[in-house]
Amino acid sequence: MGRKGQTMEQLELYIPKLEDLWFFQKMTSDPETMAYNAGWDVDYDGYHRDTGCVDYPDEVLPSCYETMVGHEPERFYAYIKRSSDGAWIGDVNFHYTPEKDWWDMGIVIYAPFRGKGYAVPALKLMLDHAFRICGVTRIHNDFEVARNEIAAWETHRKAGFQELGEEDGFLQMMITREAYFNRGK
């Protein structure tokens, strides 16, 4: 490990198999990991508004898997895997939003691995896959300003995202394929 919050460890993307979704269940049922997701008005029976956790019983996993995996470039889902020991430390995803003509994305670092410098490299790994492999043109994410998610904003900035401004109380952030390939020039 380098300076505090910076990791020198290698990460890779791992496309989970159906039998690997126990880790997805573990993350989405962990209150510390899912705290960012608390307090929303979500219309899903398994959503816990107080903790942000989401129940995905074993019987729904096959349909979740079918929806999440194997639909590139419209939809992508992968675990973030630490190369040194194969540990799964979180997940990343993106999906096409036709009404905006961009891909929305998500990243979750499992709580025990937060603050160790994995988020920016993991986000860059996902962006590299999106832009090089899938040919995605632009990736978007947004954050409710009132939640003051400064760490998430900074993670995105460090990965190359630019602020588009605020809309309906949400900070809009985007990175284009062109900006990604021109960074550091």
N, C-alpha and C. Protein backbone atom coordinates (compact mmCIF):
# COMPACT_ATOMS: atom_id res chain seq x y z
N MET A 1 0.85 -1.18 0.00
CA MET A 1 0.00 0.00 0.00
C MET A 1 0.89 1.23 0.00
N GLY A 2 0.51 2.20 -0.81
CA GLY A 2 1.21 3.48 -0.90
C GLY A 2 0.72 4.40 0.20
N ARG A 3 0.62 5.70 -0.11
CA ARG A 3 0.09 6.66 0.86
C ARG A 3 -1.29 6.23 1.31
N LYS A 4 -1.72 6.76 2.46
CA LYS A 4 -3.05 6.43 2.97
C LYS A 4 -4.11 6.65 1.89
N GLY A 5 -4.94 5.63 1.70
CA GLY A 5 -6.00 5.74 0.72
C GLY A 5 -5.57 5.42 -0.70
N GLN A 6 -4.30 5.09 -0.91
CA GLN A 6 -3.84 4.72 -2.25
C GLN A 6 -3.32 3.30 -2.19
N THR A 7 -3.74 2.49 -3.12
CA THR A 7 -3.30 1.11 -3.15
C THR A 7 -2.39 0.89 -4.35
N MET A 8 -1.43 0.03 -4.18
CA MET A 8 -0.55 -0.34 -5.28
C MET A 8 -0.95 -1.71 -5.81
N GLU A 9 -1.97 -2.31 -5.21
CA GLU A 9 -2.40 -3.65 -5.62
C GLU A 9 -3.12 -3.61 -6.96
N GLN A 10 -2.97 -4.68 -7.70
CA GLN A 10 -3.63 -4.81 -9.00
C GLN A 10 -5.06 -5.29 -8.81
N LEU A 11 -5.92 -4.74 -9.62
CA LEU A 11 -7.32 -5.14 -9.64
C LEU A 11 -7.66 -5.63 -11.04
N GLU A 12 -8.71 -6.43 -11.13
CA GLU A 12 -9.23 -6.87 -12.42
C GLU A 12 -10.74 -7.00 -12.32
N LEU A 13 -11.37 -7.04 -13.47
CA LEU A 13 -12.82 -7.26 -13.51
C LEU A 13 -13.07 -8.75 -13.65
N TYR A 14 -14.08 -9.22 -12.95
CA TYR A 14 -14.45 -10.63 -12.99
C TYR A 14 -15.95 -10.71 -13.29
N ILE A 15 -16.29 -11.36 -14.38
CA ILE A 15 -17.71 -11.56 -14.71
C ILE A 15 -18.20 -12.74 -13.88
N PRO A 16 -19.11 -12.50 -12.94
CA PRO A 16 -19.52 -13.60 -12.07
C PRO A 16 -20.36 -14.64 -12.81
N LYS A 17 -20.28 -15.85 -12.28
CA LYS A 17 -21.17 -16.93 -12.71
C LYS A 17 -22.39 -16.87 -11.78
N LEU A 18 -23.45 -17.53 -12.15
CA LEU A 18 -24.66 -17.53 -11.33
C LEU A 18 -24.34 -17.94 -9.89
N GLU A 19 -23.52 -18.97 -9.74
CA GLU A 19 -23.20 -19.46 -8.39
C GLU A 19 -22.34 -18.48 -7.58
N ASP A 20 -21.82 -17.45 -8.23
CA ASP A 20 -21.02 -16.43 -7.54
C ASP A 20 -21.87 -15.30 -6.97
N LEU A 21 -23.17 -15.30 -7.24
CA LEU A 21 -24.00 -14.18 -6.79
C LEU A 21 -24.21 -14.14 -5.28
N TRP A 22 -23.69 -15.11 -4.56
CA TRP A 22 -23.72 -15.03 -3.09
C TRP A 22 -23.02 -13.75 -2.62
N PHE A 23 -21.97 -13.34 -3.36
CA PHE A 23 -21.26 -12.12 -2.96
C PHE A 23 -22.13 -10.89 -3.20
N PHE A 24 -22.86 -10.86 -4.29
CA PHE A 24 -23.83 -9.79 -4.56
C PHE A 24 -24.85 -9.73 -3.43
N GLN A 25 -25.37 -10.91 -3.02
CA GLN A 25 -26.33 -10.97 -1.90
C GLN A 25 -25.69 -10.44 -0.61
N LYS A 26 -24.44 -10.83 -0.39
CA LYS A 26 -23.74 -10.42 0.83
C LYS A 26 -23.59 -8.89 0.88
N MET A 27 -23.18 -8.30 -0.25
CA MET A 27 -23.01 -6.84 -0.28
C MET A 27 -24.34 -6.12 -0.11
N THR A 28 -25.37 -6.55 -0.84
CA THR A 28 -26.65 -5.83 -0.82
C THR A 28 -27.41 -6.03 0.49
N SER A 29 -26.96 -6.97 1.32
CA SER A 29 -27.61 -7.17 2.62
C SER A 29 -26.77 -6.62 3.77
N ASP A 30 -25.66 -5.98 3.46
CA ASP A 30 -24.78 -5.44 4.49
C ASP A 30 -25.09 -3.96 4.74
N PRO A 31 -25.61 -3.61 5.94
CA PRO A 31 -26.00 -2.22 6.21
C PRO A 31 -24.87 -1.20 6.04
N GLU A 32 -23.65 -1.56 6.39
CA GLU A 32 -22.54 -0.60 6.25
C GLU A 32 -22.25 -0.35 4.76
N THR A 33 -22.26 -1.40 3.97
CA THR A 33 -22.02 -1.26 2.53
C THR A 33 -23.14 -0.48 1.86
N MET A 34 -24.37 -0.72 2.28
CA MET A 34 -25.54 -0.16 1.59
C MET A 34 -26.05 1.14 2.20
N ALA A 35 -25.36 1.69 3.19
CA ALA A 35 -25.82 2.93 3.84
C ALA A 35 -26.07 4.05 2.84
N TYR A 36 -25.28 4.11 1.77
CA TYR A 36 -25.46 5.15 0.74
C TYR A 36 -26.83 5.05 0.08
N ASN A 37 -27.45 3.89 0.15
CA ASN A 37 -28.69 3.59 -0.55
C ASN A 37 -29.92 3.79 0.35
N ALA A 38 -29.72 4.19 1.60
CA ALA A 38 -30.82 4.33 2.56
C ALA A 38 -31.64 5.59 2.27
N GLY A 39 -32.91 5.52 2.61
CA GLY A 39 -33.77 6.69 2.59
C GLY A 39 -34.41 7.05 1.26
N TRP A 40 -34.26 6.22 0.26
CA TRP A 40 -34.87 6.49 -1.04
C TRP A 40 -36.30 5.96 -1.07
N ASP A 41 -37.09 6.44 -1.98
CA ASP A 41 -38.44 5.91 -2.20
C ASP A 41 -38.35 4.88 -3.31
N VAL A 42 -38.09 3.64 -2.93
CA VAL A 42 -37.90 2.55 -3.88
C VAL A 42 -39.11 1.63 -3.82
N ASP A 43 -39.66 1.32 -4.96
CA ASP A 43 -40.82 0.44 -5.05
C ASP A 43 -40.36 -0.99 -5.33
N TYR A 44 -39.79 -1.62 -4.29
CA TYR A 44 -39.35 -3.00 -4.38
C TYR A 44 -39.55 -3.61 -3.00
N ASP A 45 -40.26 -4.72 -2.93
CA ASP A 45 -40.60 -5.33 -1.65
C ASP A 45 -39.38 -5.65 -0.78
N GLY A 46 -38.25 -5.96 -1.40
CA GLY A 46 -37.07 -6.34 -0.65
C GLY A 46 -36.18 -5.18 -0.22
N TYR A 47 -36.60 -3.95 -0.51
CA TYR A 47 -35.79 -2.77 -0.15
C TYR A 47 -36.09 -2.36 1.28
N HIS A 48 -35.03 -2.09 2.04
CA HIS A 48 -35.15 -1.64 3.43
C HIS A 48 -34.74 -0.17 3.49
N ARG A 49 -35.73 0.69 3.56
CA ARG A 49 -35.50 2.14 3.52
C ARG A 49 -34.57 2.62 4.64
N ASP A 50 -34.65 1.97 5.80
CA ASP A 50 -33.85 2.41 6.95
C ASP A 50 -32.36 2.11 6.78
N THR A 51 -32.01 1.02 6.10
CA THR A 51 -30.59 0.63 5.96
C THR A 51 -30.07 0.76 4.53
N GLY A 52 -30.97 0.79 3.55
CA GLY A 52 -30.55 0.78 2.15
C GLY A 52 -30.31 -0.61 1.61
N CYS A 53 -30.41 -1.61 2.47
CA CYS A 53 -30.19 -2.99 2.04
C CYS A 53 -31.31 -3.43 1.11
N VAL A 54 -30.97 -4.39 0.26
CA VAL A 54 -31.94 -4.94 -0.69
C VAL A 54 -31.85 -6.45 -0.63
N ASP A 55 -32.99 -7.09 -0.39
CA ASP A 55 -33.03 -8.55 -0.34
C ASP A 55 -33.13 -9.13 -1.75
N TYR A 56 -32.26 -10.07 -2.03
CA TYR A 56 -32.33 -10.84 -3.27
C TYR A 56 -32.31 -12.31 -2.88
N PRO A 57 -33.50 -12.90 -2.62
CA PRO A 57 -33.55 -14.30 -2.23
C PRO A 57 -32.99 -15.20 -3.34
N ASP A 58 -32.53 -16.38 -2.96
CA ASP A 58 -31.94 -17.32 -3.91
C ASP A 58 -32.81 -17.55 -5.14
N GLU A 59 -34.13 -17.60 -4.94
CA GLU A 59 -35.01 -17.92 -6.07
C GLU A 59 -35.07 -16.82 -7.14
N VAL A 60 -34.67 -15.59 -6.81
CA VAL A 60 -34.67 -14.52 -7.82
C VAL A 60 -33.31 -14.34 -8.50
N LEU A 61 -32.30 -15.02 -7.99
CA LEU A 61 -30.95 -14.84 -8.54
C LEU A 61 -30.83 -15.22 -10.02
N PRO A 62 -31.45 -16.32 -10.48
CA PRO A 62 -31.33 -16.62 -11.91
C PRO A 62 -31.86 -15.50 -12.80
N SER A 63 -32.98 -14.90 -12.45
CA SER A 63 -33.51 -13.81 -13.28
C SER A 63 -32.64 -12.55 -13.15
N CYS A 64 -32.10 -12.29 -11.96
CA CYS A 64 -31.17 -11.17 -11.78
C CYS A 64 -29.94 -11.38 -12.66
N TYR A 65 -29.42 -12.58 -12.63
CA TYR A 65 -28.23 -12.90 -13.41
C TYR A 65 -28.50 -12.70 -14.90
N GLU A 66 -29.64 -13.20 -15.34
CA GLU A 66 -30.01 -13.08 -16.76
C GLU A 66 -30.11 -11.61 -17.17
N THR A 67 -30.58 -10.77 -16.28
CA THR A 67 -30.71 -9.34 -16.56
C THR A 67 -29.36 -8.63 -16.55
N MET A 68 -28.48 -9.00 -15.60
CA MET A 68 -27.25 -8.26 -15.37
C MET A 68 -26.09 -8.66 -16.28
N VAL A 69 -25.97 -9.93 -16.60
CA VAL A 69 -24.75 -10.44 -17.23
C VAL A 69 -24.98 -10.85 -18.68
N GLY A 70 -24.01 -10.52 -19.53
CA GLY A 70 -24.01 -11.00 -20.91
C GLY A 70 -24.76 -10.14 -21.91
N HIS A 71 -24.90 -8.86 -21.63
CA HIS A 71 -25.66 -7.98 -22.53
C HIS A 71 -24.85 -6.77 -22.99
N GLU A 72 -23.54 -6.95 -23.15
CA GLU A 72 -22.69 -5.84 -23.58
C GLU A 72 -22.98 -5.51 -25.04
N PRO A 73 -22.94 -4.27 -25.43
CA PRO A 73 -22.56 -3.09 -24.66
C PRO A 73 -23.73 -2.41 -23.95
N GLU A 74 -24.96 -2.90 -24.12
CA GLU A 74 -26.11 -2.22 -23.50
C GLU A 74 -26.06 -2.28 -21.98
N ARG A 75 -25.54 -3.38 -21.45
CA ARG A 75 -25.50 -3.57 -20.00
C ARG A 75 -24.26 -4.38 -19.65
N PHE A 76 -23.58 -3.98 -18.58
CA PHE A 76 -22.37 -4.67 -18.13
C PHE A 76 -22.39 -4.75 -16.61
N TYR A 77 -21.95 -5.90 -16.09
CA TYR A 77 -21.85 -6.09 -14.65
C TYR A 77 -20.62 -6.96 -14.37
N ALA A 78 -19.82 -6.55 -13.38
CA ALA A 78 -18.65 -7.34 -13.00
C ALA A 78 -18.31 -7.09 -11.54
N TYR A 79 -17.66 -8.09 -10.96
CA TYR A 79 -17.06 -7.91 -9.64
C TYR A 79 -15.69 -7.27 -9.82
N ILE A 80 -15.27 -6.56 -8.80
CA ILE A 80 -13.91 -6.04 -8.74
C ILE A 80 -13.11 -7.07 -7.95
N LYS A 81 -12.09 -7.59 -8.58
CA LYS A 81 -11.30 -8.68 -7.99
C LYS A 81 -9.88 -8.21 -7.71
N ARG A 82 -9.41 -8.48 -6.51
CA ARG A 82 -8.02 -8.17 -6.17
C ARG A 82 -7.15 -9.30 -6.72
N SER A 83 -6.19 -8.95 -7.56
CA SER A 83 -5.39 -9.95 -8.26
C SER A 83 -4.53 -10.80 -7.33
N SER A 84 -4.02 -10.21 -6.27
CA SER A 84 -3.07 -10.92 -5.39
C SER A 84 -3.67 -12.15 -4.73
N ASP A 85 -4.94 -12.09 -4.36
CA ASP A 85 -5.54 -13.23 -3.65
C ASP A 85 -6.91 -13.63 -4.18
N GLY A 86 -7.39 -12.96 -5.23
CA GLY A 86 -8.68 -13.31 -5.82
C GLY A 86 -9.89 -12.81 -5.04
N ALA A 87 -9.66 -12.01 -4.00
CA ALA A 87 -10.78 -11.51 -3.19
C ALA A 87 -11.65 -10.57 -4.01
N TRP A 88 -12.95 -10.72 -3.87
CA TRP A 88 -13.90 -9.80 -4.50
C TRP A 88 -14.09 -8.64 -3.52
N ILE A 89 -13.90 -7.43 -4.01
CA ILE A 89 -13.95 -6.27 -3.12
C ILE A 89 -15.11 -5.33 -3.42
N GLY A 90 -15.88 -5.63 -4.46
CA GLY A 90 -17.01 -4.79 -4.82
C GLY A 90 -17.52 -5.14 -6.20
N ASP A 91 -18.33 -4.24 -6.76
CA ASP A 91 -18.82 -4.47 -8.12
C ASP A 91 -18.96 -3.15 -8.87
N VAL A 92 -19.02 -3.28 -10.19
CA VAL A 92 -19.22 -2.14 -11.09
C VAL A 92 -20.25 -2.54 -12.13
N ASN A 93 -20.92 -1.54 -12.67
CA ASN A 93 -21.90 -1.82 -13.71
C ASN A 93 -22.13 -0.57 -14.54
N PHE A 94 -22.64 -0.78 -15.75
CA PHE A 94 -23.16 0.32 -16.54
C PHE A 94 -24.28 -0.20 -17.42
N HIS A 95 -25.19 0.69 -17.77
CA HIS A 95 -26.30 0.33 -18.65
C HIS A 95 -26.70 1.54 -19.49
N TYR A 96 -27.14 1.24 -20.69
CA TYR A 96 -27.51 2.28 -21.63
C TYR A 96 -28.85 2.90 -21.24
N THR A 97 -28.92 4.22 -21.28
CA THR A 97 -30.14 4.97 -21.00
C THR A 97 -30.52 5.69 -22.30
N PRO A 98 -31.41 5.07 -23.11
CA PRO A 98 -31.68 5.60 -24.45
C PRO A 98 -32.24 7.02 -24.47
N GLU A 99 -33.07 7.38 -23.49
CA GLU A 99 -33.66 8.72 -23.51
C GLU A 99 -32.61 9.82 -23.31
N LYS A 100 -31.45 9.47 -22.77
CA LYS A 100 -30.36 10.43 -22.59
C LYS A 100 -29.19 10.16 -23.54
N ASP A 101 -29.23 9.02 -24.21
CA ASP A 101 -28.15 8.58 -25.10
C ASP A 101 -26.80 8.57 -24.38
N TRP A 102 -26.81 8.00 -23.16
CA TRP A 102 -25.57 7.78 -22.42
C TRP A 102 -25.71 6.51 -21.61
N TRP A 103 -24.62 6.09 -21.01
CA TRP A 103 -24.62 4.91 -20.14
C TRP A 103 -24.52 5.41 -18.71
N ASP A 104 -25.46 4.99 -17.86
CA ASP A 104 -25.39 5.27 -16.43
C ASP A 104 -24.57 4.16 -15.78
N MET A 105 -23.88 4.50 -14.71
CA MET A 105 -23.00 3.52 -14.09
C MET A 105 -23.16 3.49 -12.58
N GLY A 106 -22.61 2.44 -12.01
CA GLY A 106 -22.58 2.31 -10.57
C GLY A 106 -21.31 1.60 -10.14
N ILE A 107 -20.89 1.89 -8.94
CA ILE A 107 -19.75 1.20 -8.33
C ILE A 107 -20.05 1.08 -6.84
N VAL A 108 -19.81 -0.11 -6.30
CA VAL A 108 -19.97 -0.34 -4.87
C VAL A 108 -18.71 -1.05 -4.38
N ILE A 109 -18.08 -0.47 -3.39
CA ILE A 109 -16.95 -1.12 -2.73
C ILE A 109 -17.51 -1.71 -1.43
N TYR A 110 -17.33 -3.01 -1.25
CA TYR A 110 -17.79 -3.70 -0.05
C TYR A 110 -17.13 -3.04 1.17
N ALA A 111 -17.91 -2.74 2.20
CA ALA A 111 -17.47 -1.92 3.34
C ALA A 111 -16.11 -2.30 3.92
N PRO A 112 -15.79 -3.58 4.11
CA PRO A 112 -14.47 -3.89 4.69
C PRO A 112 -13.28 -3.43 3.84
N PHE A 113 -13.53 -3.11 2.57
CA PHE A 113 -12.44 -2.70 1.67
C PHE A 113 -12.44 -1.20 1.38
N ARG A 114 -13.33 -0.46 1.99
CA ARG A 114 -13.38 0.99 1.75
C ARG A 114 -12.22 1.69 2.44
N GLY A 115 -11.84 2.83 1.87
CA GLY A 115 -10.78 3.63 2.45
C GLY A 115 -9.39 3.07 2.23
N LYS A 116 -9.27 2.09 1.35
CA LYS A 116 -7.98 1.45 1.09
C LYS A 116 -7.45 1.78 -0.31
N GLY A 117 -8.11 2.72 -0.99
CA GLY A 117 -7.61 3.16 -2.28
C GLY A 117 -8.06 2.34 -3.47
N TYR A 118 -9.11 1.54 -3.32
CA TYR A 118 -9.56 0.69 -4.43
C TYR A 118 -10.53 1.38 -5.39
N ALA A 119 -11.26 2.37 -4.93
CA ALA A 119 -12.37 2.91 -5.73
C ALA A 119 -11.93 3.54 -7.05
N VAL A 120 -10.93 4.41 -7.03
CA VAL A 120 -10.50 5.08 -8.27
C VAL A 120 -9.94 4.06 -9.27
N PRO A 121 -9.01 3.17 -8.87
CA PRO A 121 -8.53 2.19 -9.83
C PRO A 121 -9.64 1.28 -10.37
N ALA A 122 -10.59 0.91 -9.51
CA ALA A 122 -11.70 0.06 -9.95
C ALA A 122 -12.57 0.81 -10.96
N LEU A 123 -12.84 2.07 -10.68
CA LEU A 123 -13.65 2.87 -11.60
C LEU A 123 -12.93 3.03 -12.94
N LYS A 124 -11.62 3.27 -12.90
CA LYS A 124 -10.85 3.40 -14.15
C LYS A 124 -10.85 2.09 -14.93
N LEU A 125 -10.80 0.98 -14.22
CA LEU A 125 -10.84 -0.34 -14.88
C LEU A 125 -12.16 -0.53 -15.61
N MET A 126 -13.26 -0.15 -14.95
CA MET A 126 -14.57 -0.23 -15.60
C MET A 126 -14.64 0.69 -16.81
N LEU A 127 -14.12 1.91 -16.67
CA LEU A 127 -14.14 2.86 -17.79
C LEU A 127 -13.33 2.33 -18.96
N ASP A 128 -12.18 1.74 -18.67
CA ASP A 128 -11.36 1.18 -19.74
C ASP A 128 -12.12 0.09 -20.49
N HIS A 129 -12.80 -0.77 -19.76
CA HIS A 129 -13.61 -1.82 -20.39
C HIS A 129 -14.73 -1.20 -21.23
N ALA A 130 -15.40 -0.22 -20.67
CA ALA A 130 -16.52 0.41 -21.37
C ALA A 130 -16.07 1.06 -22.68
N PHE A 131 -14.99 1.82 -22.61
CA PHE A 131 -14.55 2.58 -23.78
C PHE A 131 -13.76 1.75 -24.78
N ARG A 132 -12.89 0.87 -24.31
CA ARG A 132 -12.06 0.07 -25.24
C ARG A 132 -12.78 -1.15 -25.78
N ILE A 133 -13.44 -1.88 -24.92
CA ILE A 133 -14.04 -3.16 -25.31
C ILE A 133 -15.46 -2.98 -25.85
N CYS A 134 -16.25 -2.18 -25.15
CA CYS A 134 -17.68 -2.05 -25.50
C CYS A 134 -17.97 -0.90 -26.45
N GLY A 135 -17.03 0.00 -26.64
CA GLY A 135 -17.26 1.12 -27.54
C GLY A 135 -18.26 2.14 -27.04
N VAL A 136 -18.46 2.19 -25.73
CA VAL A 136 -19.36 3.16 -25.12
C VAL A 136 -18.86 4.58 -25.44
N THR A 137 -19.78 5.51 -25.66
CA THR A 137 -19.38 6.88 -26.01
C THR A 137 -19.30 7.82 -24.82
N ARG A 138 -20.16 7.63 -23.81
CA ARG A 138 -20.10 8.49 -22.63
C ARG A 138 -20.79 7.81 -21.46
N ILE A 139 -20.21 8.02 -20.28
CA ILE A 139 -20.72 7.41 -19.06
C ILE A 139 -21.07 8.51 -18.07
N HIS A 140 -22.22 8.34 -17.43
CA HIS A 140 -22.81 9.34 -16.55
C HIS A 140 -23.06 8.73 -15.18
N ASN A 141 -22.99 9.57 -14.17
CA ASN A 141 -23.45 9.21 -12.83
C ASN A 141 -23.95 10.48 -12.18
N ASP A 142 -24.84 10.34 -11.21
CA ASP A 142 -25.33 11.52 -10.50
C ASP A 142 -25.43 11.22 -9.01
N PHE A 143 -25.43 12.30 -8.24
CA PHE A 143 -25.41 12.20 -6.79
C PHE A 143 -26.31 13.27 -6.20
N GLU A 144 -27.17 12.87 -5.26
CA GLU A 144 -28.02 13.85 -4.60
C GLU A 144 -27.14 14.79 -3.78
N VAL A 145 -27.19 16.07 -4.10
CA VAL A 145 -26.32 17.07 -3.47
C VAL A 145 -26.54 17.09 -1.95
N ALA A 146 -27.79 16.97 -1.51
CA ALA A 146 -28.11 17.04 -0.08
C ALA A 146 -27.41 15.94 0.73
N ARG A 147 -27.06 14.85 0.08
CA ARG A 147 -26.39 13.76 0.79
C ARG A 147 -24.90 14.03 0.98
N ASN A 148 -24.39 15.05 0.29
CA ASN A 148 -23.00 15.50 0.49
C ASN A 148 -21.99 14.35 0.37
N GLU A 149 -22.10 13.59 -0.70
CA GLU A 149 -21.25 12.41 -0.91
C GLU A 149 -19.90 12.81 -1.52
N ILE A 150 -19.15 13.56 -0.75
CA ILE A 150 -17.90 14.14 -1.24
C ILE A 150 -16.91 13.06 -1.69
N ALA A 151 -16.78 11.97 -0.95
CA ALA A 151 -15.85 10.90 -1.34
C ALA A 151 -16.22 10.34 -2.70
N ALA A 152 -17.50 10.15 -2.95
CA ALA A 152 -17.94 9.63 -4.26
C ALA A 152 -17.65 10.63 -5.37
N TRP A 153 -17.92 11.90 -5.11
CA TRP A 153 -17.64 12.94 -6.12
C TRP A 153 -16.16 12.95 -6.46
N GLU A 154 -15.32 12.93 -5.43
CA GLU A 154 -13.87 12.98 -5.64
C GLU A 154 -13.37 11.74 -6.37
N THR A 155 -13.92 10.59 -6.05
CA THR A 155 -13.55 9.36 -6.75
C THR A 155 -13.80 9.52 -8.24
N HIS A 156 -14.95 10.04 -8.59
CA HIS A 156 -15.29 10.22 -10.01
C HIS A 156 -14.38 11.27 -10.66
N ARG A 157 -14.12 12.36 -9.96
CA ARG A 157 -13.22 13.39 -10.52
C ARG A 157 -11.83 12.81 -10.80
N LYS A 158 -11.32 12.05 -9.83
CA LYS A 158 -9.98 11.47 -9.99
C LYS A 158 -9.93 10.46 -11.13
N ALA A 159 -11.07 9.87 -11.45
CA ALA A 159 -11.14 8.92 -12.57
C ALA A 159 -11.35 9.63 -13.91
N GLY A 160 -11.55 10.95 -13.88
CA GLY A 160 -11.68 11.71 -15.11
C GLY A 160 -13.05 12.29 -15.40
N PHE A 161 -14.02 12.06 -14.53
CA PHE A 161 -15.36 12.61 -14.74
C PHE A 161 -15.33 14.13 -14.59
N GLN A 162 -16.18 14.80 -15.35
CA GLN A 162 -16.36 16.24 -15.26
C GLN A 162 -17.76 16.52 -14.72
N GLU A 163 -17.88 17.61 -13.98
CA GLU A 163 -19.21 18.03 -13.51
C GLU A 163 -19.96 18.69 -14.66
N LEU A 164 -21.21 18.26 -14.85
CA LEU A 164 -22.07 18.88 -15.85
C LEU A 164 -22.93 19.97 -15.24
N GLY A 165 -23.04 19.96 -13.92
CA GLY A 165 -23.89 20.92 -13.22
C GLY A 165 -24.87 20.18 -12.33
N GLU A 166 -25.79 20.95 -11.79
CA GLU A 166 -26.79 20.40 -10.88
C GLU A 166 -28.15 20.45 -11.55
N GLU A 167 -28.90 19.37 -11.41
CA GLU A 167 -30.24 19.30 -11.98
C GLU A 167 -31.16 18.62 -10.97
N ASP A 168 -32.22 19.30 -10.58
CA ASP A 168 -33.20 18.76 -9.63
C ASP A 168 -32.54 18.25 -8.35
N GLY A 169 -31.52 18.96 -7.87
CA GLY A 169 -30.86 18.59 -6.62
C GLY A 169 -29.80 17.51 -6.76
N PHE A 170 -29.48 17.12 -8.00
CA PHE A 170 -28.48 16.09 -8.24
C PHE A 170 -27.29 16.66 -8.99
N LEU A 171 -26.08 16.36 -8.50
CA LEU A 171 -24.86 16.71 -9.21
C LEU A 171 -24.71 15.72 -10.36
N GLN A 172 -24.63 16.23 -11.58
CA GLN A 172 -24.49 15.40 -12.77
C GLN A 172 -23.01 15.34 -13.15
N MET A 173 -22.49 14.13 -13.36
CA MET A 173 -21.09 13.96 -13.75
C MET A 173 -21.01 13.05 -14.97
N MET A 174 -20.02 13.31 -15.84
CA MET A 174 -19.90 12.57 -17.09
C MET A 174 -18.44 12.47 -17.50
N ILE A 175 -18.12 11.38 -18.19
CA ILE A 175 -16.85 11.25 -18.88
C ILE A 175 -17.14 10.70 -20.27
N THR A 176 -16.53 11.29 -21.27
CA THR A 176 -16.71 10.83 -22.64
C THR A 176 -15.55 9.92 -23.03
N ARG A 177 -15.79 9.14 -24.06
CA ARG A 177 -14.74 8.27 -24.60
C ARG A 177 -13.53 9.11 -25.02
N GLU A 178 -13.79 10.21 -25.70
CA GLU A 178 -12.72 11.09 -26.17
C GLU A 178 -11.90 11.64 -25.00
N ALA A 179 -12.58 12.12 -23.97
CA ALA A 179 -11.88 12.66 -22.79
C ALA A 179 -11.06 11.57 -22.10
N TYR A 180 -11.62 10.36 -22.04
CA TYR A 180 -10.91 9.24 -21.42
C TYR A 180 -9.59 8.97 -22.14
N PHE A 181 -9.64 8.89 -23.46
CA PHE A 181 -8.43 8.58 -24.22
C PHE A 181 -7.46 9.75 -24.31
N ASN A 182 -7.94 10.97 -24.09
CA ASN A 182 -7.07 12.15 -24.14
C ASN A 182 -6.53 12.57 -22.78
N ARG A 183 -6.95 11.91 -21.71
CA ARG A 183 -6.49 12.31 -20.38
C ARG A 183 -4.98 12.14 -20.28
N GLY A 184 -4.36 13.05 -19.61
CA GLY A 184 -2.92 12.97 -19.39
C GLY A 184 -2.08 13.39 -20.59
N LYS A 185 -2.72 13.84 -21.66
CA LYS A 185 -1.94 14.27 -22.84
C LYS A 185 -1.58 15.73 -22.72
